[in-house]
Amino acid sequence: MSSAKVILILTKEVSVYETFRDKLQDIFGLDVQIRSNLYPPVNMYEVDLILSSGSKEIFRDVVEPLDKRIPFIQANRSIDFNKLEKLLDLPANTKCLLVSNETGIAKDSVLLLKRFGFEHLEIVPYSPEMEVNVSELKRFDVAITHGLVGLVPAEVKKIFDLGDRSLDLSTIFEISNVLMVSLDKMHLFTSNYFRNFIRIGKKLSNSIQREKYINKKLEIVLDAAHEGIIWVDQEGIITVFNEEATNILGINYDNAIGKHYTEIVRDLHIDEVMNNKKEIPRQIIQVQGLQILITKTPILLDDVFFGAVITFQDVSHVQRMEQEIRKKKTESGLTTKYTFNSIIGKSAMIEQIKTIAKKLAKSDHTILITGESGTGKEIFAQAIHDYSSRKIGPFVAVNFAGITQSLAESELFGYEEGAFTGARRGGNVGLFELAQNGTIFLDEIGDAPLNIQAAILRVLQEKQVMRVGGSKVIPVNVRVIAATNKNLNQMIKEGSFREDLFYRLNQLPLEILPLRQRKADIQCLINHFLKEKGIKMRFTVELIEFIEEYSWPGNIRELEAFINYLTLAADGVQAGLNHLPPNMKRNNSTEHQVGHTLRYLVSQGETDVYKKILEVLAFHTDQTFGIGRGLIKNLVDIEISESQLRTKLNVLRRGRCISIGTKKQGTRLTEIGSKVLEKL
């Protein structure tokens, strides 16, 4: 695999650099590395391309000393269509001041907005270098800017910030051609670009005449794309046919526009998307002796079908190879199923955990996810991978609870031919190698044998593996996410987990709280599980109370199994306590009493005092003998009189938390008292 290409971005503003950087990383992923003139030093010997937000003249002091062999691209920039909607509510002839840091950029932005159809607004370019009278500035109703709010004159009170302009299609394609890197996600980028164009066009169109005018503007902009683009309306009439479509198919624009697609481009099989109204992504078809990579996307606005956009390009040899690699990766199962949208819940706690996880995803450091069994640790691991810069790479999971010690080493690190009896001919690639440029998920890491822990530590330190029976090291570039439901600190004290490995794994800790600590999520999860099954079910008041009071030791996994049981055991659409699984029926009376007692203690006040008394009893009593009131008074680390203690003990007795014996039997903690103490 070749090394990543290095792009030096020249900008005057940090926000513009970040906008360019994010777009390039989103499109090209790990195939490119980004440098900036704003963050020196830059090693120019490693730079493969200079991407500038302005002309060479503007950055003369940077560009002139450079080696002339380094390609230079001046970025063409477009506008975020979602933010353009801010301007739709402005009435005709509104006086708008378009503010930029350079006069040329301001004029280009005005021209671009007019090309997008905002000719009903009176837009005037402005930059600080222009001499404008204060009285002249006061006549403007609105200032429009691209992330440069600080440059807006104080005389203009209303500001529309459209954000920094990002790279447009033509620049993305030019970068791809110069660096010879693939455009893996370009069909999605182009489809979204076109769909947003259509949406903006629809909102601007107040009549059929206006709509035709907007479509003409769209054609002008789309002619800059290096991808064939055809739009057919709901009747199958071709309304957009850009220049690249003409170049690839050899069909003249005038011969295509206004004709039914079956007359002009029958070989593209557009009827598939017109009939099914579902996207058909990345097909490779033969057209006139060419191999065409084609995507067909229906245009749906407010659930109304407006036609379809067809994007296609002539497939190069490299693109065909990458297509096959991606196909093999999907077939091998090295992909994720879950994203952060898959994590169900509305509680403040789960939202906070998701927010933290998203921040951790942006780093390449090792993450250790802790939490009880059934809390969804692997779902978080997959979501983190999907949210990270490695999302286009593989996601490889290994569960140490389900792998024997004898197989662990060969599975993780691979083996050479003849390494042991039964070794596969030609050897085998290990999981760390399979995860190259992606993420490896070490689930149940607390169950890993000590010798495997040592081997994992070496991989984390050296970033290389050696296959079993091999003699050479293999560099690996992987992000490690580990998870466990065990207390690793306690295991370190017991000598069953390596302390040095713990600190390597625990660089970015993430704790997933048990369900009993975020009960606000239970109803959301129940609704989700029922919706998945397509079942509507009502719960009795008693069952709802049980669900709220139950501790859910198996967490989300137990809750899902509970719903599965109810949907089968309940008669009709209503479920009650009589439909509980057998193990829950046994716990029902105790759980109900615990909930009742907790509410009773809260109503009495000073729950912290009751908690301290119960803690003393839990530590100093057994099943047979309790302790006397005098000893309790001495052991409780609070000031309390004899009469106050007697009152508190009577409250606890009425709540069935303690039993008070006669004579020397003393006061003992009950089973209900133990469970109440857990919840306090």
Foldseek 3Di string as FASTA:
>chain_A
DDAAAEEEEEDDDPQLLVQQVVVCLVFQFRNYDYHYPVDDDDDLVRHQAYEYCDDCVVVVVPPVVHDPVRHYHDFDWDFDLVLCVVVLPDAFAQAEEEEDQDQVVQVVVVVRVVLLPNPSYNYDYDHPVDDDDLVRLLSHAEYEYAPPVVGRDPSHDHYRHRHHTYGDQLVVVVVCVSVVGDRPCVVVVVVVVVLSSVVSLVSSDPDPVSSLSNLVSVQVVCLSHCKWKWWAWLVQFTAHTHPNNCVVQVDDPVRRHRDHCCVPPVQVVLVVCSVVVAKDAFDWGADPNFTKGKIKHFRADPNDTTTIMMIIDGDDPVNVVVVVVLVVLVVVVQAFDAAPVNDFFDFPVVVVLSVLLLVVLADLAAEEEEEAAQLCPVNSVNNSQCSYSLNSFGEAEDELVPDDQVCVQCQAAWAAPPLDPPADDRTDHHRQQSRASGEYEYEQVLNHFPVVLVQVLCCLVVQWGAHRVGDDIGHGDYRYYYYHHDDVVVCVVVVRHDPSSCCRNHPPYRYRYACLVRVNRLVRLLVVLCVVVVAAAAEDPQVVVQSNQDRPSNGSVVSSVQSVQQVVQDDDRYDYPVSGDPVVVVCRVLSVLLVVLLVLVVVVDPVVQVLLLLVVQVVQDDPFAGQAPVVSCVRRPDDDDSVRSVVSVVSCVVSVQWDADPDRRGIHGDPSVVVNSVVD
